[in-house]
Amino acid sequence: MANPVKVLVRKLKGRHAGHHGGAWKVAYADFVTAMMAFFLVMWIVGLNQTVKNAIASYFKDPVGFMRAIERGNKPIEVDTPGLLSYPDVAPDIRKDRIGARPRSKAEERKKFGEVKKGLEKIIGQSPDLKDLAKSVRINIVDAGLRIDLVESAKDLFFDSGSAAMKPRTCKLLQRVARELGELPNRVVIEGHTDSRPYAGPNGWTNWELSTARANAARAVMETSGLQAGQVIEVRGLADRMPLDPGHRDSFRNRRVSMLLPFSERLKQVKE
């Protein structure tokens, strides 16, 4: 005859909270989170418009914000008591001048001339940048103000075959961005290469390389002085617009360009 099976029943005593479970913890956590969000919103509402815009600029481009910090830029600088400024990270804290009443073309041309002289002076007198002065071309053309960073056999703005920017290029673009950010004009950024065949990683060609370099320039300039929304277009043009059409494979055709269209011309294009 088989041995009978013994069933052991254990009764737990003294534990009265078991039937409550952990639901109260979840509810409490939700309550604390909601209160934190409420007080955060109330804090932001009480700030001045300058700081509000600075906070908004971070959420618009957090990656660019962190890259600016990695480059050594200060996210916050205190100039005067009660006034915060973010010169290299949150350029749109200043009063937004984009969309301001367009000047006449003659007035814009005069202003572009002043910016041209100012940039040439800044670059020429800067110990870190004066060696690049010959590689920076600033001209007032039919379309507007054009700034070309033209590579030479000696001065390269990017690592060869890459969109990785040289440290001096970054500094140069930062200085240019601070000047252009004071203008109401929109900005178009272009990347150009020479005609030499390029076969980069992931099947990249000169089209992708020129686009990546233009976009790298945009990222630096938008976190260094340009207003939020000031850049309206990033173009990668490969070798289709050479500076030296007779020598399309020349290094002189490799460049990054910034174009500030005349307000009148931009209006005609939109229409």
C-alpha atoms as a PDB file:
ATOM      1  CA  MET A   1       0.000   0.000   0.000  1.00  0.00           C
ATOM      2  CA  ALA A   2       1.393   3.434  -1.043  1.00  0.00           C
ATOM      3  CA  ASN A   3       2.339   5.880   1.640  1.00  0.00           C
ATOM      4  CA  PRO A   4      -0.268   8.650   2.097  1.00  0.00           C
ATOM      5  CA  VAL A   5       0.716  12.112   0.834  1.00  0.00           C
ATOM      6  CA  LYS A   6       1.080  14.650   3.595  1.00  0.00           C
ATOM      7  CA  VAL A   7      -0.125  18.184   2.832  1.00  0.00           C
ATOM      8  CA  LEU A   8       1.396  20.923   4.965  1.00  0.00           C
ATOM      9  CA  VAL A   9      -0.570  24.140   5.356  1.00  0.00           C
ATOM     10  CA  ARG A  10       1.260  27.133   6.790  1.00  0.00           C
ATOM     11  CA  LYS A  11      -0.612  30.170   8.055  1.00  0.00           C
ATOM     12  CA  LEU A  12       1.233  33.464   8.121  1.00  0.00           C
ATOM     13  CA  LYS A  13       0.382  35.754  10.948  1.00  0.00           C
ATOM     14  CA  GLY A  14       1.228  39.323  11.717  1.00  0.00           C
ATOM     15  CA  ARG A  15       1.408  40.513   8.071  1.00  0.00           C
ATOM     16  CA  HIS A  16      -1.546  42.814   7.568  1.00  0.00           C
ATOM     17  CA  ALA A  17      -0.211  44.923   4.649  1.00  0.00           C
ATOM     18  CA  GLY A  18      -0.076  42.134   2.106  1.00  0.00           C
ATOM     19  CA  HIS A  19      -3.556  42.739   0.708  1.00  0.00           C
ATOM     20  CA  HIS A  20      -2.658  46.396  -0.050  1.00  0.00           C
ATOM     21  CA  GLY A  21       0.036  45.492  -2.595  1.00  0.00           C
ATOM     22  CA  GLY A  22       2.306  48.217  -4.070  1.00  0.00           C
ATOM     23  CA  ALA A  23      -0.366  50.277  -5.815  1.00  0.00           C
ATOM     24  CA  TRP A  24       0.012  53.134  -3.347  1.00  0.00           C
ATOM     25  CA  LYS A  25       3.696  53.451  -4.285  1.00  0.00           C
ATOM     26  CA  VAL A  26       2.845  53.856  -7.951  1.00  0.00           C
ATOM     27  CA  ALA A  27       0.175  56.441  -7.153  1.00  0.00           C
ATOM     28  CA  TYR A  28       2.562  58.350  -4.904  1.00  0.00           C
ATOM     29  CA  ALA A  29       5.286  58.332  -7.552  1.00  0.00           C
ATOM     30  CA  ASP A  30       2.824  59.687 -10.127  1.00  0.00           C
ATOM     31  CA  PHE A  31       1.776  62.411  -7.699  1.00  0.00           C
ATOM     32  CA  VAL A  32       5.369  63.468  -6.991  1.00  0.00           C
ATOM     33  CA  THR A  33       6.175  63.500 -10.734  1.00  0.00           C
ATOM     34  CA  ALA A  34       3.121  65.632 -11.464  1.00  0.00           C
ATOM     35  CA  MET A  35       4.026  68.088  -8.710  1.00  0.00           C
ATOM     36  CA  MET A  36       7.593  68.351  -9.964  1.00  0.00           C
ATOM     37  CA  ALA A  37       6.358  69.068 -13.495  1.00  0.00           C
ATOM     38  CA  PHE A  38       3.901  71.646 -12.132  1.00  0.00           C
ATOM     39  CA  PHE A  39       6.544  73.546 -10.181  1.00  0.00           C
ATOM     40  CA  LEU A  40       8.943  73.362 -13.135  1.00  0.00           C
ATOM     41  CA  VAL A  41       6.325  74.933 -15.402  1.00  0.00           C
ATOM     42  CA  MET A  42       5.559  77.596 -12.797  1.00  0.00           C
ATOM     43  CA  TRP A  43       9.272  78.377 -12.498  1.00  0.00           C
ATOM     44  CA  ILE A  44       9.658  78.751 -16.258  1.00  0.00           C
ATOM     45  CA  VAL A  45       6.558  80.957 -16.494  1.00  0.00           C
ATOM     46  CA  GLY A  46       8.090  83.309 -13.944  1.00  0.00           C
ATOM     47  CA  LEU A  47      11.355  83.726 -15.845  1.00  0.00           C
ATOM     48  CA  ASN A  48      12.119  86.569 -18.205  1.00  0.00           C
ATOM     49  CA  GLN A  49      11.862  86.014 -21.940  1.00  0.00           C
ATOM     50  CA  THR A  50      15.626  85.831 -22.319  1.00  0.00           C
ATOM     51  CA  VAL A  51      15.959  82.716 -20.194  1.00  0.00           C
ATOM     52  CA  LYS A  52      12.792  81.170 -21.656  1.00  0.00           C
ATOM     53  CA  ASN A  53      14.281  81.400 -25.134  1.00  0.00           C
ATOM     54  CA  ALA A  54      17.531  79.907 -23.868  1.00  0.00           C
ATOM     55  CA  ILE A  55      15.707  76.904 -22.412  1.00  0.00           C
ATOM     56  CA  ALA A  56      13.734  76.484 -25.629  1.00  0.00           C
ATOM     57  CA  SER A  57      16.908  76.583 -27.713  1.00  0.00           C
ATOM     58  CA  TYR A  58      18.323  73.659 -25.731  1.00  0.00           C
ATOM     59  CA  PHE A  59      15.309  71.469 -26.441  1.00  0.00           C
ATOM     60  CA  LYS A  60      15.406  72.427 -30.125  1.00  0.00           C
ATOM     61  CA  ASP A  61      18.937  71.067 -30.542  1.00  0.00           C
ATOM     62  CA  PRO A  62      20.216  69.169 -27.458  1.00  0.00           C
ATOM     63  CA  VAL A  63      22.890  67.421 -29.522  1.00  0.00           C
ATOM     64  CA  GLY A  64      24.302  70.715 -30.742  1.00  0.00           C
ATOM     65  CA  PHE A  65      24.146  72.030 -27.182  1.00  0.00           C
ATOM     66  CA  MET A  66      26.284  69.168 -25.856  1.00  0.00           C
ATOM     67  CA  ARG A  67      28.705  69.396 -28.748  1.00  0.00           C
ATOM     68  CA  ALA A  68      29.218  73.065 -27.983  1.00  0.00           C
ATOM     69  CA  ILE A  69      30.068  72.186 -24.391  1.00  0.00           C
ATOM     70  CA  GLU A  70      32.483  69.496 -25.549  1.00  0.00           C
ATOM     71  CA  ARG A  71      34.241  72.125 -27.676  1.00  0.00           C
ATOM     72  CA  GLY A  72      34.819  74.126 -24.517  1.00  0.00           C
ATOM     73  CA  ASN A  73      32.116  76.747 -24.983  1.00  0.00           C
ATOM     74  CA  LYS A  74      30.427  78.030 -21.842  1.00  0.00           C
ATOM     75  CA  PRO A  75      26.698  77.275 -21.762  1.00  0.00           C
ATOM     76  CA  ILE A  76      26.032  80.098 -19.317  1.00  0.00           C
ATOM     77  CA  GLU A  77      27.866  83.324 -18.691  1.00  0.00           C
ATOM     78  CA  VAL A  78      26.809  86.002 -16.235  1.00  0.00           C
ATOM     79  CA  ASP A  79      27.538  89.445 -17.612  1.00  0.00           C
ATOM     80  CA  THR A  80      25.563  91.553 -15.155  1.00  0.00           C
ATOM     81  CA  PRO A  81      23.539  90.673 -12.039  1.00  0.00           C
ATOM     82  CA  GLY A  82      20.265  89.087 -13.035  1.00  0.00           C
ATOM     83  CA  LEU A  83      21.169  88.794 -16.719  1.00  0.00           C
ATOM     84  CA  LEU A  84      22.150  85.476 -18.268  1.00  0.00           C
ATOM     85  CA  SER A  85      23.773  85.205 -21.670  1.00  0.00           C
ATOM     86  CA  TYR A  86      24.476  82.122 -23.725  1.00  0.00           C
ATOM     87  CA  PRO A  87      26.842  83.388 -26.467  1.00  0.00           C
ATOM     88  CA  ASP A  88      27.955  80.030 -27.880  1.00  0.00           C
ATOM     89  CA  VAL A  89      25.059  77.715 -27.110  1.00  0.00           C
ATOM     90  CA  ALA A  90      21.767  79.577 -27.215  1.00  0.00           C
ATOM     91  CA  PRO A  91      22.087  82.371 -29.782  1.00  0.00           C
ATOM     92  CA  ASP A  92      18.353  82.971 -30.057  1.00  0.00           C
ATOM     93  CA  ILE A  93      18.081  84.552 -26.590  1.00  0.00           C
ATOM     94  CA  ARG A  94      18.618  87.912 -28.255  1.00  0.00           C
ATOM     95  CA  LYS A  95      15.674  89.782 -29.680  1.00  0.00           C
ATOM     96  CA  ASP A  96      14.657  87.941 -32.816  1.00  0.00           C
ATOM     97  CA  ARG A  97      15.453  90.096 -35.827  1.00  0.00           C
ATOM     98  CA  ILE A  98      14.441  87.556 -38.466  1.00  0.00           C
ATOM     99  CA  GLY A  99      11.451  88.720 -40.429  1.00  0.00           C
ATOM    100  CA  ALA A 100      12.032  92.365 -39.518  1.00  0.00           C
ATOM    101  CA  ARG A 101      10.882  94.957 -42.017  1.00  0.00           C
ATOM    102  CA  PRO A 102      13.233  94.532 -45.019  1.00  0.00           C
ATOM    103  CA  ARG A 103      15.579  97.371 -45.778  1.00  0.00           C
ATOM    104  CA  SER A 104      15.925  98.698 -49.279  1.00  0.00           C
ATOM    105  CA  LYS A 105      18.459  96.853 -51.381  1.00  0.00           C
ATOM    106  CA  ALA A 106      20.781  99.857 -51.248  1.00  0.00           C
ATOM    107  CA  GLU A 107      20.659  99.885 -47.440  1.00  0.00           C
ATOM    108  CA  GLU A 108      21.238  96.149 -47.309  1.00  0.00           C
ATOM    109  CA  ARG A 109      24.172  96.424 -49.670  1.00  0.00           C
ATOM    110  CA  LYS A 110      25.664  99.118 -47.422  1.00  0.00           C
ATOM    111  CA  LYS A 111      25.169  96.945 -44.347  1.00  0.00           C
ATOM    112  CA  PHE A 112      26.723  93.956 -46.107  1.00  0.00           C
ATOM    113  CA  GLY A 113      29.714  96.153 -46.897  1.00  0.00           C
ATOM    114  CA  GLU A 114      30.090  96.975 -43.212  1.00  0.00           C
ATOM    115  CA  VAL A 115      29.867  93.310 -42.272  1.00  0.00           C
ATOM    116  CA  LYS A 116      32.470  92.453 -44.910  1.00  0.00           C
ATOM    117  CA  LYS A 117      34.928  95.001 -43.509  1.00  0.00           C
ATOM    118  CA  GLY A 118      34.201  93.929 -39.959  1.00  0.00           C
ATOM    119  CA  LEU A 119      34.788  90.248 -40.658  1.00  0.00           C
ATOM    120  CA  GLU A 120      37.978  90.931 -42.594  1.00  0.00           C
ATOM    121  CA  LYS A 121      39.258  93.003 -39.674  1.00  0.00           C
ATOM    122  CA  ILE A 122      38.308  90.367 -37.086  1.00  0.00           C
ATOM    123  CA  ILE A 123      39.960  87.557 -39.022  1.00  0.00           C
ATOM    124  CA  GLY A 124      43.031  89.585 -39.925  1.00  0.00           C
ATOM    125  CA  GLN A 125      43.681  90.691 -36.346  1.00  0.00           C
ATOM    126  CA  SER A 126      42.926  87.398 -34.612  1.00  0.00           C
ATOM    127  CA  PRO A 127      46.127  85.486 -33.709  1.00  0.00           C
ATOM    128  CA  ASP A 128      44.317  82.183 -34.218  1.00  0.00           C
ATOM    129  CA  LEU A 129      42.718  83.073 -37.540  1.00  0.00           C
ATOM    130  CA  LYS A 130      44.905  85.572 -39.391  1.00  0.00           C
ATOM    131  CA  ASP A 131      46.717  82.762 -41.241  1.00  0.00           C
ATOM    132  CA  LEU A 132      43.364  81.848 -42.805  1.00  0.00           C
ATOM    133  CA  ALA A 133      42.627  85.358 -44.060  1.00  0.00           C
ATOM    134  CA  LYS A 134      43.677  84.538 -47.624  1.00  0.00           C
ATOM    135  CA  SER A 135      41.376  81.509 -47.640  1.00  0.00           C
ATOM    136  CA  VAL A 136      38.277  83.489 -46.650  1.00  0.00           C
ATOM    137  CA  ARG A 137      36.596  85.344 -49.500  1.00  0.00           C
ATOM    138  CA  ILE A 138      33.824  87.806 -48.676  1.00  0.00           C
ATOM    139  CA  ASN A 139      31.991  89.391 -51.593  1.00  0.00           C
ATOM    140  CA  ILE A 140      28.753  91.202 -52.274  1.00  0.00           C
ATOM    141  CA  VAL A 141      27.228  89.501 -55.311  1.00  0.00           C
ATOM    142  CA  ASP A 142      23.931  89.863 -57.161  1.00  0.00           C
ATOM    143  CA  ALA A 143      22.296  87.352 -54.836  1.00  0.00           C
ATOM    144  CA  GLY A 144      23.522  88.945 -51.588  1.00  0.00           C
ATOM    145  CA  LEU A 145      26.497  88.583 -49.260  1.00  0.00           C
ATOM    146  CA  ARG A 146      28.635  85.514 -49.983  1.00  0.00           C
ATOM    147  CA  ILE A 147      31.357  84.162 -47.706  1.00  0.00           C
ATOM    148  CA  ASP A 148      33.548  81.373 -49.080  1.00  0.00           C
ATOM    149  CA  LEU A 149      35.967  79.308 -47.011  1.00  0.00           C
ATOM    150  CA  VAL A 150      38.237  78.139 -49.825  1.00  0.00           C
ATOM    151  CA  GLU A 151      40.763  75.384 -49.197  1.00  0.00           C
ATOM    152  CA  SER A 152      44.332  75.667 -50.408  1.00  0.00           C
ATOM    153  CA  ALA A 153      47.209  73.241 -50.691  1.00  0.00           C
ATOM    154  CA  LYS A 154      48.278  74.361 -47.207  1.00  0.00           C
ATOM    155  CA  ASP A 155      45.084  75.216 -45.370  1.00  0.00           C
ATOM    156  CA  LEU A 156      42.424  72.556 -45.033  1.00  0.00           C
ATOM    157  CA  PHE A 157      39.140  73.246 -43.275  1.00  0.00           C
ATOM    158  CA  PHE A 158      38.194  69.568 -42.887  1.00  0.00           C
ATOM    159  CA  ASP A 159      40.031  66.288 -42.524  1.00  0.00           C
ATOM    160  CA  SER A 160      40.710  64.783 -45.939  1.00  0.00           C
ATOM    161  CA  GLY A 161      37.692  62.929 -47.300  1.00  0.00           C
ATOM    162  CA  SER A 162      35.722  63.642 -44.131  1.00  0.00           C
ATOM    163  CA  ALA A 163      33.229  66.057 -42.599  1.00  0.00           C
ATOM    164  CA  ALA A 164      35.359  66.207 -39.430  1.00  0.00           C
ATOM    165  CA  MET A 165      36.164  69.882 -38.908  1.00  0.00           C
ATOM    166  CA  LYS A 166      39.574  71.274 -38.053  1.00  0.00           C
ATOM    167  CA  PRO A 167      39.694  73.201 -34.721  1.00  0.00           C
ATOM    168  CA  ARG A 168      40.571  76.456 -36.501  1.00  0.00           C
ATOM    169  CA  THR A 169      37.618  75.989 -38.849  1.00  0.00           C
ATOM    170  CA  CYS A 170      35.330  75.726 -35.855  1.00  0.00           C
ATOM    171  CA  LYS A 171      36.718  78.942 -34.356  1.00  0.00           C
ATOM    172  CA  LEU A 172      36.391  80.729 -37.675  1.00  0.00           C
ATOM    173  CA  LEU A 173      32.765  79.691 -38.135  1.00  0.00           C
ATOM    174  CA  GLN A 174      31.970  80.763 -34.598  1.00  0.00           C
ATOM    175  CA  ARG A 175      33.285  84.266 -35.251  1.00  0.00           C
ATOM    176  CA  VAL A 176      31.423  84.470 -38.562  1.00  0.00           C
ATOM    177  CA  ALA A 177      28.196  83.254 -36.917  1.00  0.00           C
ATOM    178  CA  ARG A 178      28.335  85.979 -34.266  1.00  0.00           C
ATOM    179  CA  GLU A 179      28.506  88.655 -36.947  1.00  0.00           C
ATOM    180  CA  LEU A 180      25.813  87.160 -39.181  1.00  0.00           C
ATOM    181  CA  GLY A 181      23.534  86.621 -36.201  1.00  0.00           C
ATOM    182  CA  GLU A 182      23.230  90.385 -35.854  1.00  0.00           C
ATOM    183  CA  LEU A 183      21.569  90.638 -39.258  1.00  0.00           C
ATOM    184  CA  PRO A 184      17.904  90.008 -40.092  1.00  0.00           C
ATOM    185  CA  ASN A 185      18.803  88.155 -43.289  1.00  0.00           C
ATOM    186  CA  ARG A 186      18.347  84.436 -43.769  1.00  0.00           C
ATOM    187  CA  VAL A 187      21.372  82.201 -44.344  1.00  0.00           C
ATOM    188  CA  VAL A 188      22.025  79.481 -46.924  1.00  0.00           C
ATOM    189  CA  ILE A 189      24.994  77.175 -46.293  1.00  0.00           C
ATOM    190  CA  GLU A 190      26.632  75.293 -49.174  1.00  0.00           C
ATOM    191  CA  GLY A 191      29.243  72.565 -49.411  1.00  0.00           C
ATOM    192  CA  HIS A 192      31.447  72.131 -52.503  1.00  0.00           C
ATOM    193  CA  THR A 193      34.071  69.586 -53.561  1.00  0.00           C
ATOM    194  CA  ASP A 194      36.449  69.184 -56.480  1.00  0.00           C
ATOM    195  CA  SER A 195      35.741  66.690 -59.261  1.00  0.00           C
ATOM    196  CA  ARG A 196      38.120  63.994 -58.071  1.00  0.00           C
ATOM    197  CA  PRO A 197      36.254  60.724 -57.582  1.00  0.00           C
ATOM    198  CA  TYR A 198      35.432  60.046 -53.976  1.00  0.00           C
ATOM    199  CA  ALA A 199      34.315  56.709 -52.587  1.00  0.00           C
ATOM    200  CA  GLY A 200      33.733  57.062 -48.886  1.00  0.00           C
ATOM    201  CA  PRO A 201      32.180  54.774 -46.285  1.00  0.00           C
ATOM    202  CA  ASN A 202      28.606  53.583 -46.788  1.00  0.00           C
ATOM    203  CA  GLY A 203      28.801  54.354 -50.500  1.00  0.00           C
ATOM    204  CA  TRP A 204      29.384  58.078 -50.047  1.00  0.00           C
ATOM    205  CA  THR A 205      30.220  60.214 -53.068  1.00  0.00           C
ATOM    206  CA  ASN A 206      31.092  63.883 -53.435  1.00  0.00           C
ATOM    207  CA  TRP A 207      27.382  64.647 -53.080  1.00  0.00           C
ATOM    208  CA  GLU A 208      27.184  63.178 -49.592  1.00  0.00           C
ATOM    209  CA  LEU A 209      30.554  64.623 -48.581  1.00  0.00           C
ATOM    210  CA  SER A 210      29.648  68.168 -49.627  1.00  0.00           C
ATOM    211  CA  THR A 211      26.283  67.907 -47.872  1.00  0.00           C
ATOM    212  CA  ALA A 212      27.827  66.568 -44.669  1.00  0.00           C
ATOM    213  CA  ARG A 213      30.383  69.376 -44.563  1.00  0.00           C
ATOM    214  CA  ALA A 214      27.722  72.031 -45.088  1.00  0.00           C
ATOM    215  CA  ASN A 215      25.614  70.485 -42.351  1.00  0.00           C
ATOM    216  CA  ALA A 216      28.601  70.350 -39.995  1.00  0.00           C
ATOM    217  CA  ALA A 217      29.096  74.073 -40.591  1.00  0.00           C
ATOM    218  CA  ARG A 218      25.407  74.676 -39.852  1.00  0.00           C
ATOM    219  CA  ALA A 219      25.631  72.809 -36.539  1.00  0.00           C
ATOM    220  CA  VAL A 220      28.553  74.942 -35.366  1.00  0.00           C
ATOM    221  CA  MET A 221      27.076  78.240 -36.499  1.00  0.00           C
ATOM    222  CA  GLU A 222      23.633  77.615 -35.020  1.00  0.00           C
ATOM    223  CA  THR A 223      25.198  77.040 -31.608  1.00  0.00           C
ATOM    224  CA  SER A 224      27.605  79.962 -31.881  1.00  0.00           C
ATOM    225  CA  GLY A 225      25.680  83.058 -32.900  1.00  0.00           C
ATOM    226  CA  LEU A 226      23.070  82.519 -35.604  1.00  0.00           C
ATOM    227  CA  GLN A 227      19.494  83.069 -34.567  1.00  0.00           C
ATOM    228  CA  ALA A 228      17.115  80.137 -34.277  1.00  0.00           C
ATOM    229  CA  GLY A 229      15.581  79.585 -37.711  1.00  0.00           C
ATOM    230  CA  GLN A 230      18.021  81.882 -39.492  1.00  0.00           C
ATOM    231  CA  VAL A 231      19.375  79.043 -41.639  1.00  0.00           C
ATOM    232  CA  ILE A 232      16.789  78.263 -44.302  1.00  0.00           C
ATOM    233  CA  GLU A 233      18.706  75.830 -46.499  1.00  0.00           C
ATOM    234  CA  VAL A 234      21.707  73.503 -46.448  1.00  0.00           C
ATOM    235  CA  ARG A 235      23.009  72.518 -49.875  1.00  0.00           C
ATOM    236  CA  GLY A 236      25.482  69.885 -50.970  1.00  0.00           C
ATOM    237  CA  LEU A 237      26.562  70.768 -54.522  1.00  0.00           C
ATOM    238  CA  ALA A 238      29.501  68.380 -55.025  1.00  0.00           C
ATOM    239  CA  ASP A 239      31.603  69.711 -57.960  1.00  0.00           C
ATOM    240  CA  ARG A 240      28.752  71.349 -59.894  1.00  0.00           C
ATOM    241  CA  MET A 241      29.677  74.982 -59.077  1.00  0.00           C
ATOM    242  CA  PRO A 242      33.493  75.138 -59.287  1.00  0.00           C
ATOM    243  CA  LEU A 243      35.414  78.323 -58.520  1.00  0.00           C
ATOM    244  CA  ASP A 244      37.931  77.272 -61.149  1.00  0.00           C
ATOM    245  CA  PRO A 245      35.877  75.835 -64.046  1.00  0.00           C
ATOM    246  CA  GLY A 246      39.038  75.309 -66.106  1.00  0.00           C
ATOM    247  CA  HIS A 247      40.482  73.004 -63.463  1.00  0.00           C
ATOM    248  CA  ARG A 248      37.557  71.194 -61.918  1.00  0.00           C
ATOM    249  CA  ASP A 249      39.844  68.858 -59.964  1.00  0.00           C
ATOM    250  CA  SER A 250      41.663  71.759 -58.285  1.00  0.00           C
ATOM    251  CA  PHE A 251      41.659  71.998 -54.488  1.00  0.00           C
ATOM    252  CA  ARG A 252      40.421  75.591 -54.900  1.00  0.00           C
ATOM    253  CA  ASN A 253      37.006  74.200 -55.711  1.00  0.00           C
ATOM    254  CA  ARG A 254      36.723  72.648 -52.233  1.00  0.00           C
ATOM    255  CA  ARG A 255      34.916  75.090 -49.993  1.00  0.00           C
ATOM    256  CA  VAL A 256      32.039  75.823 -47.631  1.00  0.00           C
ATOM    257  CA  SER A 257      29.991  78.905 -48.451  1.00  0.00           C
ATOM    258  CA  MET A 258      27.502  81.075 -46.592  1.00  0.00           C
ATOM    259  CA  LEU A 259      25.053  83.145 -48.633  1.00  0.00           C
ATOM    260  CA  LEU A 260      22.840  85.864 -47.144  1.00  0.00           C
ATOM    261  CA  PRO A 261      20.299  86.693 -49.857  1.00  0.00           C
ATOM    262  CA  PHE A 262      18.990  90.208 -50.264  1.00  0.00           C
ATOM    263  CA  SER A 263      15.539  90.431 -48.644  1.00  0.00           C
ATOM    264  CA  GLU A 264      14.050  91.562 -51.940  1.00  0.00           C
ATOM    265  CA  ARG A 265      15.515  88.574 -53.795  1.00  0.00           C
ATOM    266  CA  LEU A 266      14.329  86.125 -51.132  1.00  0.00           C
ATOM    267  CA  LYS A 267      10.819  87.546 -51.345  1.00  0.00           C
ATOM    268  CA  GLN A 268      10.791  87.090 -55.132  1.00  0.00           C
ATOM    269  CA  VAL A 269      11.920  83.473 -54.779  1.00  0.00           C
ATOM    270  CA  LYS A 270       9.117  82.720 -52.284  1.00  0.00           C
ATOM    271  CA  GLU A 271       6.521  84.283 -54.569  1.00  0.00           C
END
